């Protein structure tokens, strides 16, 4: 868990602070999303994630990752995909 959390934090830092080429950005962003989702799935009971109990999460970042994790299951339904994409962006305060 510590390694995943470290990789998630480092990836987040690099995305925000570094001037990355498109391919580098994509690789690091995908790693951030992957490790972030793994972390919230290890920390929280599946009931919290499945029922979107946002009030039980610790941060906007965890809310963002929860909604992004829901995108994985909604790709076949465009309306659900758009709904969770919008929720994920709205959850991060610097996107407001």
N, C-alpha and C. Protein backbone atom coordinates (compact mmCIF):
# COMPACT_ATOMS: atom_id res chain seq x y z
N UNK A 1 0.82 -1.19 0.00
CA UNK A 1 0.00 0.00 0.00
C UNK A 1 0.87 1.27 0.00
N UNK A 2 1.96 1.25 0.77
CA UNK A 2 2.81 2.43 0.85
C UNK A 2 3.42 2.77 -0.51
N UNK A 3 3.82 1.72 -1.25
CA UNK A 3 4.43 1.95 -2.57
C UNK A 3 3.40 2.56 -3.53
N UNK A 4 2.17 2.03 -3.52
CA UNK A 4 1.11 2.57 -4.38
C UNK A 4 0.83 4.03 -4.03
N UNK A 5 0.74 4.30 -2.74
CA UNK A 5 0.45 5.67 -2.31
C UNK A 5 1.59 6.62 -2.70
N UNK A 6 2.82 6.15 -2.57
CA UNK A 6 3.96 6.96 -2.97
C UNK A 6 3.93 7.26 -4.46
N UNK A 7 3.68 6.24 -5.28
CA UNK A 7 3.63 6.42 -6.73
C UNK A 7 2.49 7.37 -7.11
N UNK A 8 1.34 7.23 -6.45
CA UNK A 8 0.20 8.13 -6.71
C UNK A 8 0.58 9.57 -6.38
N UNK A 9 1.19 9.77 -5.22
CA UNK A 9 1.57 11.13 -4.80
C UNK A 9 2.63 11.73 -5.72
N UNK A 10 3.63 10.93 -6.07
CA UNK A 10 4.68 11.42 -6.96
C UNK A 10 4.12 11.75 -8.34
N UNK A 11 3.26 10.89 -8.85
CA UNK A 11 2.65 11.14 -10.16
C UNK A 11 1.82 12.43 -10.12
N UNK A 12 1.05 12.60 -9.07
CA UNK A 12 0.23 13.81 -8.91
C UNK A 12 1.12 15.05 -8.90
N UNK A 13 2.21 14.99 -8.15
CA UNK A 13 3.16 16.10 -8.09
C UNK A 13 3.73 16.43 -9.46
N UNK A 14 4.16 15.40 -10.20
CA UNK A 14 4.74 15.62 -11.52
C UNK A 14 3.73 16.20 -12.51
N UNK A 15 2.50 15.75 -12.44
CA UNK A 15 1.45 16.26 -13.33
C UNK A 15 1.24 17.75 -13.10
N UNK A 16 1.25 18.14 -11.85
CA UNK A 16 0.96 19.54 -11.50
C UNK A 16 2.15 20.46 -11.71
N UNK A 17 3.36 19.97 -11.43
CA UNK A 17 4.51 20.88 -11.41
C UNK A 17 5.43 20.82 -12.61
N UNK A 18 5.43 19.76 -13.35
CA UNK A 18 6.40 19.60 -14.44
C UNK A 18 5.80 19.93 -15.80
N UNK A 19 6.66 20.40 -16.66
CA UNK A 19 6.30 20.60 -18.07
C UNK A 19 6.60 19.30 -18.79
N UNK A 20 5.57 18.51 -19.03
CA UNK A 20 5.76 17.18 -19.60
C UNK A 20 5.34 17.15 -21.06
N UNK A 21 6.04 16.33 -21.82
CA UNK A 21 5.63 16.06 -23.19
C UNK A 21 4.34 15.24 -23.13
N UNK A 22 3.58 15.25 -24.21
CA UNK A 22 2.28 14.56 -24.23
C UNK A 22 2.38 13.10 -23.80
N UNK A 23 3.34 12.39 -24.34
CA UNK A 23 3.48 10.96 -24.03
C UNK A 23 3.85 10.75 -22.56
N UNK A 24 4.76 11.59 -22.05
CA UNK A 24 5.13 11.51 -20.64
C UNK A 24 3.93 11.80 -19.74
N UNK A 25 3.19 12.85 -20.10
CA UNK A 25 2.02 13.23 -19.33
C UNK A 25 1.01 12.08 -19.30
N UNK A 26 0.75 11.49 -20.46
CA UNK A 26 -0.21 10.39 -20.55
C UNK A 26 0.21 9.21 -19.68
N UNK A 27 1.48 8.85 -19.74
CA UNK A 27 2.00 7.73 -18.95
C UNK A 27 1.87 8.00 -17.46
N UNK A 28 2.29 9.19 -17.04
CA UNK A 28 2.25 9.54 -15.61
C UNK A 28 0.81 9.69 -15.14
N UNK A 29 -0.05 10.30 -15.95
CA UNK A 29 -1.45 10.46 -15.57
C UNK A 29 -2.12 9.09 -15.41
N UNK A 30 -1.87 8.19 -16.34
CA UNK A 30 -2.45 6.84 -16.25
C UNK A 30 -1.97 6.11 -15.00
N UNK A 31 -0.72 6.30 -14.65
CA UNK A 31 -0.16 5.69 -13.43
C UNK A 31 -0.83 6.30 -12.19
N UNK A 32 -1.01 7.61 -12.20
CA UNK A 32 -1.69 8.29 -11.08
C UNK A 32 -3.11 7.74 -10.90
N UNK A 33 -3.85 7.64 -11.98
CA UNK A 33 -5.23 7.14 -11.91
C UNK A 33 -5.24 5.69 -11.44
N UNK A 34 -4.39 4.87 -12.02
CA UNK A 34 -4.34 3.45 -11.67
C UNK A 34 -4.02 3.24 -10.19
N UNK A 35 -2.95 3.86 -9.73
CA UNK A 35 -2.54 3.69 -8.32
C UNK A 35 -3.53 4.35 -7.38
N UNK A 36 -4.10 5.48 -7.79
CA UNK A 36 -5.09 6.16 -6.95
C UNK A 36 -6.33 5.31 -6.75
N UNK A 37 -6.82 4.69 -7.81
CA UNK A 37 -7.99 3.82 -7.71
C UNK A 37 -7.67 2.61 -6.85
N UNK A 38 -6.50 2.03 -7.05
CA UNK A 38 -6.09 0.89 -6.22
C UNK A 38 -6.07 1.28 -4.74
N UNK A 39 -5.57 2.47 -4.44
CA UNK A 39 -5.51 2.93 -3.05
C UNK A 39 -6.90 3.08 -2.44
N UNK A 40 -7.82 3.74 -3.14
CA UNK A 40 -9.14 3.91 -2.53
C UNK A 40 -9.87 2.59 -2.40
N UNK A 41 -9.62 1.65 -3.31
CA UNK A 41 -10.26 0.34 -3.20
C UNK A 41 -9.70 -0.46 -2.02
N UNK A 42 -8.44 -0.20 -1.65
CA UNK A 42 -7.85 -0.87 -0.50
C UNK A 42 -8.26 -0.22 0.81
N UNK A 43 -8.47 1.09 0.77
CA UNK A 43 -8.79 1.83 1.99
C UNK A 43 -10.26 1.70 2.37
N UNK A 44 -11.14 1.82 1.40
CA UNK A 44 -12.57 1.91 1.67
C UNK A 44 -13.33 0.62 1.39
N UNK A 45 -14.34 0.41 2.19
CA UNK A 45 -15.27 -0.70 2.00
C UNK A 45 -15.93 -0.54 0.63
N UNK A 46 -16.11 -1.64 -0.10
CA UNK A 46 -16.76 -1.54 -1.42
C UNK A 46 -18.13 -0.86 -1.37
N UNK A 47 -18.82 -0.96 -0.27
CA UNK A 47 -20.12 -0.30 -0.11
C UNK A 47 -20.01 1.22 -0.27
N UNK A 48 -18.94 1.79 0.24
CA UNK A 48 -18.72 3.24 0.13
C UNK A 48 -18.51 3.62 -1.33
N UNK A 49 -17.73 2.83 -2.04
CA UNK A 49 -17.43 3.12 -3.45
C UNK A 49 -18.66 2.85 -4.32
N UNK A 50 -19.27 1.72 -4.17
CA UNK A 50 -20.42 1.34 -5.00
C UNK A 50 -21.61 2.26 -4.82
N UNK A 51 -21.82 2.76 -3.61
CA UNK A 51 -22.96 3.63 -3.34
C UNK A 51 -22.59 5.11 -3.33
N UNK A 52 -21.36 5.40 -3.74
CA UNK A 52 -20.88 6.80 -3.86
C UNK A 52 -21.11 7.60 -2.58
N UNK A 53 -20.72 7.02 -1.47
CA UNK A 53 -20.88 7.69 -0.18
C UNK A 53 -19.73 8.69 0.00
N UNK A 54 -19.85 9.77 -0.72
CA UNK A 54 -18.81 10.80 -0.80
C UNK A 54 -18.49 11.39 0.58
N UNK A 55 -19.49 11.49 1.43
CA UNK A 55 -19.29 12.07 2.76
C UNK A 55 -18.32 11.25 3.61
N UNK A 56 -18.08 10.00 3.25
CA UNK A 56 -17.16 9.15 3.99
C UNK A 56 -15.71 9.24 3.50
N UNK A 57 -15.49 9.95 2.41
CA UNK A 57 -14.14 10.10 1.87
C UNK A 57 -13.41 11.22 2.59
N UNK A 58 -12.08 11.18 2.53
CA UNK A 58 -11.26 12.14 3.26
C UNK A 58 -10.91 13.40 2.47
N UNK A 59 -11.01 13.34 1.14
CA UNK A 59 -10.54 14.49 0.36
C UNK A 59 -11.23 14.58 -1.00
N UNK A 60 -11.08 15.74 -1.63
CA UNK A 60 -11.57 15.94 -2.99
C UNK A 60 -10.86 14.98 -3.95
N UNK A 61 -9.60 14.75 -3.71
CA UNK A 61 -8.84 13.84 -4.57
C UNK A 61 -9.44 12.44 -4.54
N UNK A 62 -9.81 11.96 -3.36
CA UNK A 62 -10.42 10.63 -3.26
C UNK A 62 -11.78 10.61 -3.96
N UNK A 63 -12.52 11.70 -3.86
CA UNK A 63 -13.81 11.80 -4.56
C UNK A 63 -13.57 11.73 -6.08
N UNK A 64 -12.59 12.47 -6.56
CA UNK A 64 -12.23 12.44 -7.97
C UNK A 64 -11.89 11.01 -8.42
N UNK A 65 -11.06 10.34 -7.64
CA UNK A 65 -10.66 8.98 -7.99
C UNK A 65 -11.83 8.01 -7.93
N UNK A 66 -12.74 8.20 -6.99
CA UNK A 66 -13.92 7.35 -6.93
C UNK A 66 -14.73 7.48 -8.21
N UNK A 67 -14.98 8.72 -8.64
CA UNK A 67 -15.76 8.92 -9.87
C UNK A 67 -15.03 8.39 -11.10
N UNK A 68 -13.72 8.58 -11.15
CA UNK A 68 -12.94 8.04 -12.27
C UNK A 68 -13.03 6.51 -12.27
N UNK A 69 -13.01 5.91 -11.10
CA UNK A 69 -13.13 4.44 -11.04
C UNK A 69 -14.48 3.98 -11.59
N UNK A 70 -15.50 4.78 -11.41
CA UNK A 70 -16.83 4.44 -11.93
C UNK A 70 -16.86 4.53 -13.46
N UNK A 71 -15.98 5.32 -14.05
CA UNK A 71 -15.92 5.42 -15.51
C UNK A 71 -15.54 4.10 -16.15
N UNK A 72 -14.68 3.35 -15.50
CA UNK A 72 -14.24 2.07 -16.05
C UNK A 72 -15.42 1.15 -16.34
N UNK A 73 -16.43 1.23 -15.53
CA UNK A 73 -17.59 0.34 -15.68
C UNK A 73 -18.70 0.94 -16.54
N UNK A 74 -18.57 2.17 -16.96
CA UNK A 74 -19.65 2.87 -17.65
C UNK A 74 -19.33 3.22 -19.10
N UNK A 75 -18.23 2.74 -19.62
CA UNK A 75 -17.79 3.12 -20.96
C UNK A 75 -18.84 2.75 -22.02
N UNK A 76 -19.56 1.67 -21.84
CA UNK A 76 -20.52 1.24 -22.86
C UNK A 76 -21.77 2.11 -22.88
N UNK A 77 -22.02 2.85 -21.83
CA UNK A 77 -23.19 3.71 -21.76
C UNK A 77 -22.73 5.16 -21.75
N UNK A 78 -22.91 5.84 -22.87
CA UNK A 78 -22.39 7.21 -23.03
C UNK A 78 -22.95 8.17 -21.98
N UNK A 79 -24.23 8.07 -21.64
CA UNK A 79 -24.83 8.97 -20.66
C UNK A 79 -24.18 8.81 -19.29
N UNK A 80 -23.95 7.56 -18.87
CA UNK A 80 -23.30 7.33 -17.59
C UNK A 80 -21.85 7.80 -17.62
N UNK A 81 -21.19 7.57 -18.74
CA UNK A 81 -19.80 7.98 -18.88
C UNK A 81 -19.67 9.50 -18.71
N UNK A 82 -20.51 10.23 -19.41
CA UNK A 82 -20.49 11.70 -19.33
C UNK A 82 -20.83 12.15 -17.91
N UNK A 83 -21.80 11.50 -17.30
CA UNK A 83 -22.21 11.85 -15.93
C UNK A 83 -21.03 11.72 -14.96
N UNK A 84 -20.31 10.60 -15.02
CA UNK A 84 -19.20 10.40 -14.09
C UNK A 84 -17.98 11.22 -14.44
N UNK A 85 -17.79 11.50 -15.70
CA UNK A 85 -16.69 12.39 -16.09
C UNK A 85 -16.94 13.79 -15.54
N UNK A 86 -18.17 14.26 -15.68
CA UNK A 86 -18.52 15.58 -15.15
C UNK A 86 -18.37 15.60 -13.62
N UNK A 87 -18.86 14.58 -12.94
CA UNK A 87 -18.73 14.52 -11.48
C UNK A 87 -17.27 14.52 -11.06
N UNK A 88 -16.43 13.81 -11.80
CA UNK A 88 -15.02 13.75 -11.43
C UNK A 88 -14.37 15.13 -11.52
N UNK A 89 -14.67 15.88 -12.57
CA UNK A 89 -14.10 17.22 -12.70
C UNK A 89 -14.65 18.18 -11.65
N UNK A 90 -15.92 18.07 -11.36
CA UNK A 90 -16.54 18.95 -10.36
C UNK A 90 -16.02 18.67 -8.95
N UNK A 91 -15.52 17.47 -8.71
CA UNK A 91 -15.07 17.11 -7.38
C UNK A 91 -13.75 17.76 -6.99
N UNK A 92 -12.96 18.13 -7.98
CA UNK A 92 -11.65 18.75 -7.71
C UNK A 92 -11.82 20.25 -7.66
N UNK A 93 -11.44 20.83 -6.55
CA UNK A 93 -11.68 22.26 -6.32
C UNK A 93 -11.00 23.15 -7.36
N UNK A 94 -9.83 22.77 -7.89
CA UNK A 94 -9.18 23.65 -8.85
C UNK A 94 -9.77 23.55 -10.25
N UNK A 95 -10.80 22.75 -10.46
CA UNK A 95 -11.52 22.72 -11.72
C UNK A 95 -12.76 23.58 -11.68
N UNK A 96 -13.10 24.10 -10.52
CA UNK A 96 -14.33 24.90 -10.38
C UNK A 96 -14.16 26.27 -10.96
